[in-house]
Amino acid sequence: MFEKIRIKEHMEVANYEGQHVGTVDAVQDDAIKLTKSDSADDMHHFLSLDDVEKIDDNRIYLKESARIPEGLGNKAVMQDA
């Protein structure tokens, strides 16, 4: 188990396969608030701390079962196309 105190602003959040999901803006209660810049709708999205599998270096990995809101991590890809 990890300690939520280890989660810091600007850390990368990745799914269980290591693909970019978002960037930490803050930790609020039992949720990770992601930056707006990583969402297709320019809104903050939240991930439950229960969905975190592990923290490795400066990257947070989510569990395979994590519920990831639609459109996260896709904005940068869409702009490159």
PDB file of N, CA and C in Angstrom:
ATOM      1  N   MET A   1       0.848  -1.186   0.000  1.00  0.00           N
ATOM      2  CA  MET A   1       0.000   0.000   0.000  1.00  0.00           C
ATOM      3  C   MET A   1       0.890   1.245   0.000  1.00  0.00           C
ATOM      4  N   PHE A   2       0.430   2.273  -0.637  1.00  0.00           N
ATOM      5  CA  PHE A   2       1.193   3.510  -0.725  1.00  0.00           C
ATOM      6  C   PHE A   2       0.627   4.534   0.256  1.00  0.00           C
ATOM      7  N   GLU A   3       1.379   5.571   0.483  1.00  0.00           N
ATOM      8  CA  GLU A   3       0.905   6.660   1.322  1.00  0.00           C
ATOM      9  C   GLU A   3       0.535   7.826   0.413  1.00  0.00           C
ATOM     10  N   LYS A   4      -0.670   8.377   0.599  1.00  0.00           N
ATOM     11  CA  LYS A   4      -1.107   9.443  -0.297  1.00  0.00           C
ATOM     12  C   LYS A   4      -0.226  10.679  -0.181  1.00  0.00           C
ATOM     13  N   ILE A   5       0.531  10.781   0.900  1.00  0.00           N
ATOM     14  CA  ILE A   5       1.453  11.908   1.065  1.00  0.00           C
ATOM     15  C   ILE A   5       2.552  11.872  -0.018  1.00  0.00           C
ATOM     16  N   ARG A   6       2.775  10.710  -0.623  1.00  0.00           N
ATOM     17  CA  ARG A   6       3.786  10.569  -1.683  1.00  0.00           C
ATOM     18  C   ARG A   6       3.316  11.145  -3.013  1.00  0.00           C
ATOM     19  N   ILE A   7       2.023  11.400  -3.148  1.00  0.00           N
ATOM     20  CA  ILE A   7       1.483  11.939  -4.394  1.00  0.00           C
ATOM     21  C   ILE A   7       1.660  13.451  -4.378  1.00  0.00           C
ATOM     22  N   LYS A   8       2.361  13.948  -5.388  1.00  0.00           N
ATOM     23  CA  LYS A   8       2.696  15.364  -5.466  1.00  0.00           C
ATOM     24  C   LYS A   8       2.154  15.985  -6.755  1.00  0.00           C
ATOM     25  N   GLU A   9       2.001  17.298  -6.718  1.00  0.00           N
ATOM     26  CA  GLU A   9       1.582  18.055  -7.889  1.00  0.00           C
ATOM     27  C   GLU A   9       2.546  17.792  -9.048  1.00  0.00           C
ATOM     28  N   HIS A  10       1.989  17.696 -10.239  1.00  0.00           N
ATOM     29  CA  HIS A  10       2.719  17.493 -11.498  1.00  0.00           C
ATOM     30  C   HIS A  10       3.190  16.063 -11.738  1.00  0.00           C
ATOM     31  N   MET A  11       2.861  15.127 -10.855  1.00  0.00           N
ATOM     32  CA  MET A  11       3.210  13.732 -11.120  1.00  0.00           C
ATOM     33  C   MET A  11       2.359  13.213 -12.273  1.00  0.00           C
ATOM     34  N   GLU A  12       2.933  12.332 -13.068  1.00  0.00           N
ATOM     35  CA  GLU A  12       2.183  11.721 -14.157  1.00  0.00           C
ATOM     36  C   GLU A  12       1.323  10.581 -13.618  1.00  0.00           C
ATOM     37  N   VAL A  13       0.118  10.445 -14.186  1.00  0.00           N
ATOM     38  CA  VAL A  13      -0.775   9.337 -13.859  1.00  0.00           C
ATOM     39  C   VAL A  13      -0.899   8.483 -15.115  1.00  0.00           C
ATOM     40  N   ALA A  14      -0.679   7.178 -14.965  1.00  0.00           N
ATOM     41  CA  ALA A  14      -0.745   6.251 -16.093  1.00  0.00           C
ATOM     42  C   ALA A  14      -1.713   5.119 -15.772  1.00  0.00           C
ATOM     43  N   ASN A  15      -2.290   4.529 -16.820  1.00  0.00           N
ATOM     44  CA  ASN A  15      -3.149   3.372 -16.591  1.00  0.00           C
ATOM     45  C   ASN A  15      -2.269   2.159 -16.300  1.00  0.00           C
ATOM     46  N   TYR A  16      -2.876   1.010 -16.126  1.00  0.00           N
ATOM     47  CA  TYR A  16      -2.113  -0.189 -15.761  1.00  0.00           C
ATOM     48  C   TYR A  16      -1.134  -0.625 -16.845  1.00  0.00           C
ATOM     49  N   GLU A  17      -1.355  -0.156 -18.090  1.00  0.00           N
ATOM     50  CA  GLU A  17      -0.449  -0.491 -19.196  1.00  0.00           C
ATOM     51  C   GLU A  17       0.669   0.535 -19.359  1.00  0.00           C
ATOM     52  N   GLY A  18       0.641   1.580 -18.526  1.00  0.00           N
ATOM     53  CA  GLY A  18       1.676   2.605 -18.603  1.00  0.00           C
ATOM     54  C   GLY A  18       1.356   3.751 -19.546  1.00  0.00           C
ATOM     55  N   GLN A  19       0.141   3.790 -20.093  1.00  0.00           N
ATOM     56  CA  GLN A  19      -0.250   4.874 -20.997  1.00  0.00           C
ATOM     57  C   GLN A  19      -0.686   6.092 -20.186  1.00  0.00           C
ATOM     58  N   HIS A  20      -0.300   7.255 -20.647  1.00  0.00           N
ATOM     59  CA  HIS A  20      -0.592   8.512 -19.963  1.00  0.00           C
ATOM     60  C   HIS A  20      -2.097   8.734 -19.832  1.00  0.00           C
ATOM     61  N   VAL A  21      -2.524   9.043 -18.619  1.00  0.00           N
ATOM     62  CA  VAL A  21      -3.928   9.353 -18.342  1.00  0.00           C
ATOM     63  C   VAL A  21      -4.072  10.833 -17.995  1.00  0.00           C
ATOM     64  N   GLY A  22      -3.148  11.351 -17.194  1.00  0.00           N
ATOM     65  CA  GLY A  22      -3.245  12.738 -16.777  1.00  0.00           C
ATOM     66  C   GLY A  22      -2.075  13.143 -15.906  1.00  0.00           C
ATOM     67  N   THR A  23      -2.206  14.360 -15.350  1.00  0.00           N
ATOM     68  CA  THR A  23      -1.183  14.930 -14.489  1.00  0.00           C
ATOM     69  C   THR A  23      -1.850  15.408 -13.209  1.00  0.00           C
ATOM     70  N   VAL A  24      -1.225  15.133 -12.085  1.00  0.00           N
ATOM     71  CA  VAL A  24      -1.790  15.511 -10.790  1.00  0.00           C
ATOM     72  C   VAL A  24      -1.800  17.029 -10.639  1.00  0.00           C
ATOM     73  N   ASP A  25      -2.961  17.553 -10.271  1.00  0.00           N
ATOM     74  CA  ASP A  25      -3.085  18.961  -9.915  1.00  0.00           C
ATOM     75  C   ASP A  25      -3.039  19.090  -8.393  1.00  0.00           C
ATOM     76  N   ALA A  26      -3.718  18.162  -7.708  1.00  0.00           N
ATOM     77  CA  ALA A  26      -3.746  18.183  -6.240  1.00  0.00           C
ATOM     78  C   ALA A  26      -4.344  16.883  -5.732  1.00  0.00           C
ATOM     79  N   VAL A  27      -4.214  16.641  -4.430  1.00  0.00           N
ATOM     80  CA  VAL A  27      -4.918  15.550  -3.763  1.00  0.00           C
ATOM     81  C   VAL A  27      -5.948  16.204  -2.857  1.00  0.00           C
ATOM     82  N   GLN A  28      -7.204  15.811  -3.041  1.00  0.00           N
ATOM     83  CA  GLN A  28      -8.290  16.356  -2.232  1.00  0.00           C
ATOM     84  C   GLN A  28      -9.025  15.199  -1.574  1.00  0.00           C
ATOM     85  N   ASP A  29      -8.976  15.173  -0.261  1.00  0.00           N
ATOM     86  CA  ASP A  29      -9.591  14.092   0.509  1.00  0.00           C
ATOM     87  C   ASP A  29      -9.052  12.753   0.021  1.00  0.00           C
ATOM     88  N   ASP A  30      -9.905  11.896  -0.524  1.00  0.00           N
ATOM     89  CA  ASP A  30      -9.471  10.581  -1.001  1.00  0.00           C
ATOM     90  C   ASP A  30      -9.496  10.502  -2.522  1.00  0.00           C
ATOM     91  N   ALA A  31      -9.160  11.617  -3.182  1.00  0.00           N
ATOM     92  CA  ALA A  31      -9.180  11.648  -4.646  1.00  0.00           C
ATOM     93  C   ALA A  31      -7.988  12.430  -5.190  1.00  0.00           C
ATOM     94  N   ILE A  32      -7.575  12.044  -6.385  1.00  0.00           N
ATOM     95  CA  ILE A  32      -6.537  12.762  -7.108  1.00  0.00           C
ATOM     96  C   ILE A  32      -7.241  13.680  -8.100  1.00  0.00           C
ATOM     97  N   LYS A  33      -6.975  14.966  -7.998  1.00  0.00           N
ATOM     98  CA  LYS A  33      -7.528  15.944  -8.934  1.00  0.00           C
ATOM     99  C   LYS A  33      -6.522  16.087 -10.066  1.00  0.00           C
ATOM    100  N   LEU A  34      -6.985  15.888 -11.297  1.00  0.00           N
ATOM    101  CA  LEU A  34      -6.113  15.978 -12.466  1.00  0.00           C
ATOM    102  C   LEU A  34      -6.197  17.373 -13.095  1.00  0.00           C
ATOM    103  N   THR A  35      -5.131  17.765 -13.763  1.00  0.00           N
ATOM    104  CA  THR A  35      -5.115  19.070 -14.425  1.00  0.00           C
ATOM    105  C   THR A  35      -6.112  19.099 -15.580  1.00  0.00           C
ATOM    106  N   LYS A  36      -6.596  20.296 -15.879  1.00  0.00           N
ATOM    107  CA  LYS A  36      -7.530  20.482 -16.991  1.00  0.00           C
ATOM    108  C   LYS A  36      -6.840  20.238 -18.331  1.00  0.00           C
ATOM    109  N   SER A  37      -5.562  20.510 -18.410  1.00  0.00           N
ATOM    110  CA  SER A  37      -4.845  20.439 -19.689  1.00  0.00           C
ATOM    111  C   SER A  37      -4.783  19.026 -20.264  1.00  0.00           C
ATOM    112  N   ASP A  38      -5.032  18.007 -19.455  1.00  0.00           N
ATOM    113  CA  ASP A  38      -5.010  16.625 -19.950  1.00  0.00           C
ATOM    114  C   ASP A  38      -6.395  16.096 -20.293  1.00  0.00           C
ATOM    115  N   SER A  39      -7.429  16.941 -20.204  1.00  0.00           N
ATOM    116  CA  SER A  39      -8.772  16.456 -20.505  1.00  0.00           C
ATOM    117  C   SER A  39      -9.300  17.109 -21.776  1.00  0.00           C
ATOM    118  N   ALA A  40     -10.042  16.345 -22.537  1.00  0.00           N
ATOM    119  CA  ALA A  40     -10.597  16.831 -23.799  1.00  0.00           C
ATOM    120  C   ALA A  40     -11.646  17.916 -23.575  1.00  0.00           C
ATOM    121  N   ASP A  41     -12.262  17.950 -22.379  1.00  0.00           N
ATOM    122  CA  ASP A  41     -13.324  18.926 -22.114  1.00  0.00           C
ATOM    123  C   ASP A  41     -12.851  20.123 -21.278  1.00  0.00           C
ATOM    124  N   ASP A  42     -11.541  20.250 -21.068  1.00  0.00           N
ATOM    125  CA  ASP A  42     -10.967  21.351 -20.284  1.00  0.00           C
ATOM    126  C   ASP A  42     -11.563  21.474 -18.887  1.00  0.00           C
ATOM    127  N   MET A  43     -11.874  20.340 -18.279  1.00  0.00           N
ATOM    128  CA  MET A  43     -12.401  20.321 -16.915  1.00  0.00           C
ATOM    129  C   MET A  43     -11.505  19.453 -16.035  1.00  0.00           C
ATOM    130  N   HIS A  44     -11.518  19.750 -14.746  1.00  0.00           N
ATOM    131  CA  HIS A  44     -10.808  18.890 -13.796  1.00  0.00           C
ATOM    132  C   HIS A  44     -11.575  17.578 -13.667  1.00  0.00           C
ATOM    133  N   HIS A  45     -10.847  16.486 -13.588  1.00  0.00           N
ATOM    134  CA  HIS A  45     -11.445  15.181 -13.333  1.00  0.00           C
ATOM    135  C   HIS A  45     -10.757  14.606 -12.108  1.00  0.00           C
ATOM    136  N   PHE A  46     -11.442  13.679 -11.454  1.00  0.00           N
ATOM    137  CA  PHE A  46     -10.936  13.105 -10.209  1.00  0.00           C
ATOM    138  C   PHE A  46     -10.834  11.592 -10.327  1.00  0.00           C
ATOM    139  N   LEU A  47      -9.797  11.042  -9.726  1.00  0.00           N
ATOM    140  CA  LEU A  47      -9.604   9.598  -9.645  1.00  0.00           C
ATOM    141  C   LEU A  47      -9.534   9.219  -8.170  1.00  0.00           C
ATOM    142  N   SER A  48     -10.142   8.133  -7.821  1.00  0.00           N
ATOM    143  CA  SER A  48     -10.128   7.668  -6.446  1.00  0.00           C
ATOM    144  C   SER A  48      -8.738   7.157  -6.064  1.00  0.00           C
ATOM    145  N   LEU A  49      -8.320   7.459  -4.847  1.00  0.00           N
ATOM    146  CA  LEU A  49      -7.045   6.915  -4.366  1.00  0.00           C
ATOM    147  C   LEU A  49      -7.097   5.392  -4.297  1.00  0.00           C
ATOM    148  N   ASP A  50      -8.282   4.819  -4.181  1.00  0.00           N
ATOM    149  CA  ASP A  50      -8.430   3.359  -4.167  1.00  0.00           C
ATOM    150  C   ASP A  50      -8.049   2.735  -5.510  1.00  0.00           C
ATOM    151  N   ASP A  51      -8.018   3.534  -6.571  1.00  0.00           N
ATOM    152  CA  ASP A  51      -7.683   3.028  -7.902  1.00  0.00           C
ATOM    153  C   ASP A  51      -6.179   3.002  -8.175  1.00  0.00           C
ATOM    154  N   VAL A  52      -5.384   3.490  -7.235  1.00  0.00           N
ATOM    155  CA  VAL A  52      -3.929   3.518  -7.418  1.00  0.00           C
ATOM    156  C   VAL A  52      -3.342   2.146  -7.104  1.00  0.00           C
ATOM    157  N   GLU A  53      -2.602   1.613  -8.070  1.00  0.00           N
ATOM    158  CA  GLU A  53      -1.914   0.327  -7.894  1.00  0.00           C
ATOM    159  C   GLU A  53      -0.567   0.533  -7.195  1.00  0.00           C
ATOM    160  N   LYS A  54       0.221   1.501  -7.724  1.00  0.00           N
ATOM    161  CA  LYS A  54       1.553   1.734  -7.162  1.00  0.00           C
ATOM    162  C   LYS A  54       2.052   3.110  -7.591  1.00  0.00           C
ATOM    163  N   ILE A  55       3.086   3.560  -6.893  1.00  0.00           N
ATOM    164  CA  ILE A  55       3.783   4.787  -7.251  1.00  0.00           C
ATOM    165  C   ILE A  55       5.227   4.394  -7.490  1.00  0.00           C
ATOM    166  N   ASP A  56       5.723   4.716  -8.685  1.00  0.00           N
ATOM    167  CA  ASP A  56       7.080   4.349  -9.064  1.00  0.00           C
ATOM    168  C   ASP A  56       7.784   5.595  -9.572  1.00  0.00           C
ATOM    169  N   ASP A  57       8.828   6.027  -8.890  1.00  0.00           N
ATOM    170  CA  ASP A  57       9.524   7.269  -9.201  1.00  0.00           C
ATOM    171  C   ASP A  57       8.528   8.425  -9.192  1.00  0.00           C
ATOM    172  N   ASN A  58       8.339   9.087 -10.317  1.00  0.00           N
ATOM    173  CA  ASN A  58       7.434  10.240 -10.383  1.00  0.00           C
ATOM    174  C   ASN A  58       6.175   9.891 -11.174  1.00  0.00           C
ATOM    175  N   ARG A  59       5.763   8.628 -11.127  1.00  0.00           N
ATOM    176  CA  ARG A  59       4.626   8.166 -11.910  1.00  0.00           C
ATOM    177  C   ARG A  59       3.688   7.336 -11.036  1.00  0.00           C
ATOM    178  N   ILE A  60       2.397   7.594 -11.206  1.00  0.00           N
ATOM    179  CA  ILE A  60       1.358   6.865 -10.484  1.00  0.00           C
ATOM    180  C   ILE A  60       0.721   5.886 -11.459  1.00  0.00           C
ATOM    181  N   TYR A  61       0.658   4.629 -11.089  1.00  0.00           N
ATOM    182  CA  TYR A  61       0.029   3.607 -11.936  1.00  0.00           C
ATOM    183  C   TYR A  61      -1.321   3.227 -11.334  1.00  0.00           C
ATOM    184  N   LEU A  62      -2.337   3.200 -12.188  1.00  0.00           N
ATOM    185  CA  LEU A  62      -3.681   2.833 -11.752  1.00  0.00           C
ATOM    186  C   LEU A  62      -3.908   1.338 -11.891  1.00  0.00           C
ATOM    187  N   LYS A  63      -4.841   0.824 -11.126  1.00  0.00           N
ATOM    188  CA  LYS A  63      -5.224  -0.585 -11.223  1.00  0.00           C
ATOM    189  C   LYS A  63      -5.934  -0.831 -12.550  1.00  0.00           C
ATOM    190  N   GLU A  64      -5.912  -2.071 -12.993  1.00  0.00           N
ATOM    191  CA  GLU A  64      -6.605  -2.440 -14.235  1.00  0.00           C
ATOM    192  C   GLU A  64      -8.104  -2.144 -14.125  1.00  0.00           C
ATOM    193  N   SER A  65      -8.650  -2.261 -12.934  1.00  0.00           N
ATOM    194  CA  SER A  65     -10.085  -2.056 -12.719  1.00  0.00           C
ATOM    195  C   SER A  65     -10.468  -0.581 -12.506  1.00  0.00           C
ATOM    196  N   ALA A  66      -9.495   0.318 -12.568  1.00  0.00           N
ATOM    197  CA  ALA A  66      -9.768   1.739 -12.295  1.00  0.00           C
ATOM    198  C   ALA A  66     -10.761   2.319 -13.299  1.00  0.00           C
ATOM    199  N   ARG A  67     -11.677   3.135 -12.788  1.00  0.00           N
ATOM    200  CA  ARG A  67     -12.628   3.823 -13.645  1.00  0.00           C
ATOM    201  C   ARG A  67     -11.993   5.142 -14.076  1.00  0.00           C
ATOM    202  N   ILE A  68     -11.653   5.232 -15.358  1.00  0.00           N
ATOM    203  CA  ILE A  68     -10.995   6.420 -15.891  1.00  0.00           C
ATOM    204  C   ILE A  68     -12.011   7.203 -16.718  1.00  0.00           C
ATOM    205  N   PRO A  69     -12.266   8.456 -16.363  1.00  0.00           N
ATOM    206  CA  PRO A  69     -13.235   9.255 -17.120  1.00  0.00           C
ATOM    207  C   PRO A  69     -12.864   9.359 -18.598  1.00  0.00           C
ATOM    208  N   GLU A  70     -13.866   9.406 -19.450  1.00  0.00           N
ATOM    209  CA  GLU A  70     -13.681   9.515 -20.903  1.00  0.00           C
ATOM    210  C   GLU A  70     -12.915  10.783 -21.260  1.00  0.00           C
ATOM    211  N   GLY A  71     -12.009  10.685 -22.215  1.00  0.00           N
ATOM    212  CA  GLY A  71     -11.317  11.861 -22.741  1.00  0.00           C
ATOM    213  C   GLY A  71     -10.056  12.265 -22.010  1.00  0.00           C
ATOM    214  N   LEU A  72      -9.625  11.517 -21.026  1.00  0.00           N
ATOM    215  CA  LEU A  72      -8.390  11.866 -20.328  1.00  0.00           C
ATOM    216  C   LEU A  72      -7.188  11.368 -21.107  1.00  0.00           C
ATOM    217  N   GLY A  73      -6.145  12.188 -21.136  1.00  0.00           N
ATOM    218  CA  GLY A  73      -4.916  11.800 -21.812  1.00  0.00           C
ATOM    219  C   GLY A  73      -4.994  11.870 -23.319  1.00  0.00           C
ATOM    220  N   ASN A  74      -6.164  12.164 -23.856  1.00  0.00           N
ATOM    221  CA  ASN A  74      -6.332  12.173 -25.302  1.00  0.00           C
ATOM    222  C   ASN A  74      -6.156  13.551 -25.919  1.00  0.00           C
ATOM    223  N   LYS A  75      -6.249  14.588 -25.126  1.00  0.00           N
ATOM    224  CA  LYS A  75      -6.226  15.952 -25.662  1.00  0.00           C
ATOM    225  C   LYS A  75      -4.941  16.222 -26.433  1.00  0.00           C
ATOM    226  N   ALA A  76      -3.803  15.897 -25.855  1.00  0.00           N
ATOM    227  CA  ALA A  76      -2.524  16.147 -26.514  1.00  0.00           C
ATOM    228  C   ALA A  76      -2.421  15.340 -27.802  1.00  0.00           C
ATOM    229  N   VAL A  77      -2.923  14.117 -27.793  1.00  0.00           N
ATOM    230  CA  VAL A  77      -2.881  13.274 -28.987  1.00  0.00           C
ATOM    231  C   VAL A  77      -3.751  13.886 -30.085  1.00  0.00           C
ATOM    232  N   MET A  78      -4.931  14.384 -29.699  1.00  0.00           N
ATOM    233  CA  MET A  78      -5.844  14.978 -30.672  1.00  0.00           C
ATOM    234  C   MET A  78      -5.232  16.224 -31.291  1.00  0.00           C
ATOM    235  N   GLN A  79      -4.481  17.015 -30.541  1.00  0.00           N
ATOM    236  CA  GLN A  79      -3.882  18.230 -31.051  1.00  0.00           C
ATOM    237  C   GLN A  79      -2.734  17.933 -32.005  1.00  0.00           C
ATOM    238  N   ASP A  80      -2.052  16.814 -31.819  1.00  0.00           N
ATOM    239  CA  ASP A  80      -0.949  16.444 -32.691  1.00  0.00           C
ATOM    240  C   ASP A  80      -1.417  15.932 -34.039  1.00  0.00           C
ATOM    241  N   ALA A  81      -2.653  15.431 -34.087  1.00  0.00           N
ATOM    242  CA  ALA A  81      -3.174  14.813 -35.323  1.00  0.00           C
ATOM    243  C   ALA A  81      -3.407  15.824 -36.415  1.00  0.00           C
TER     244      ALA A  81
END
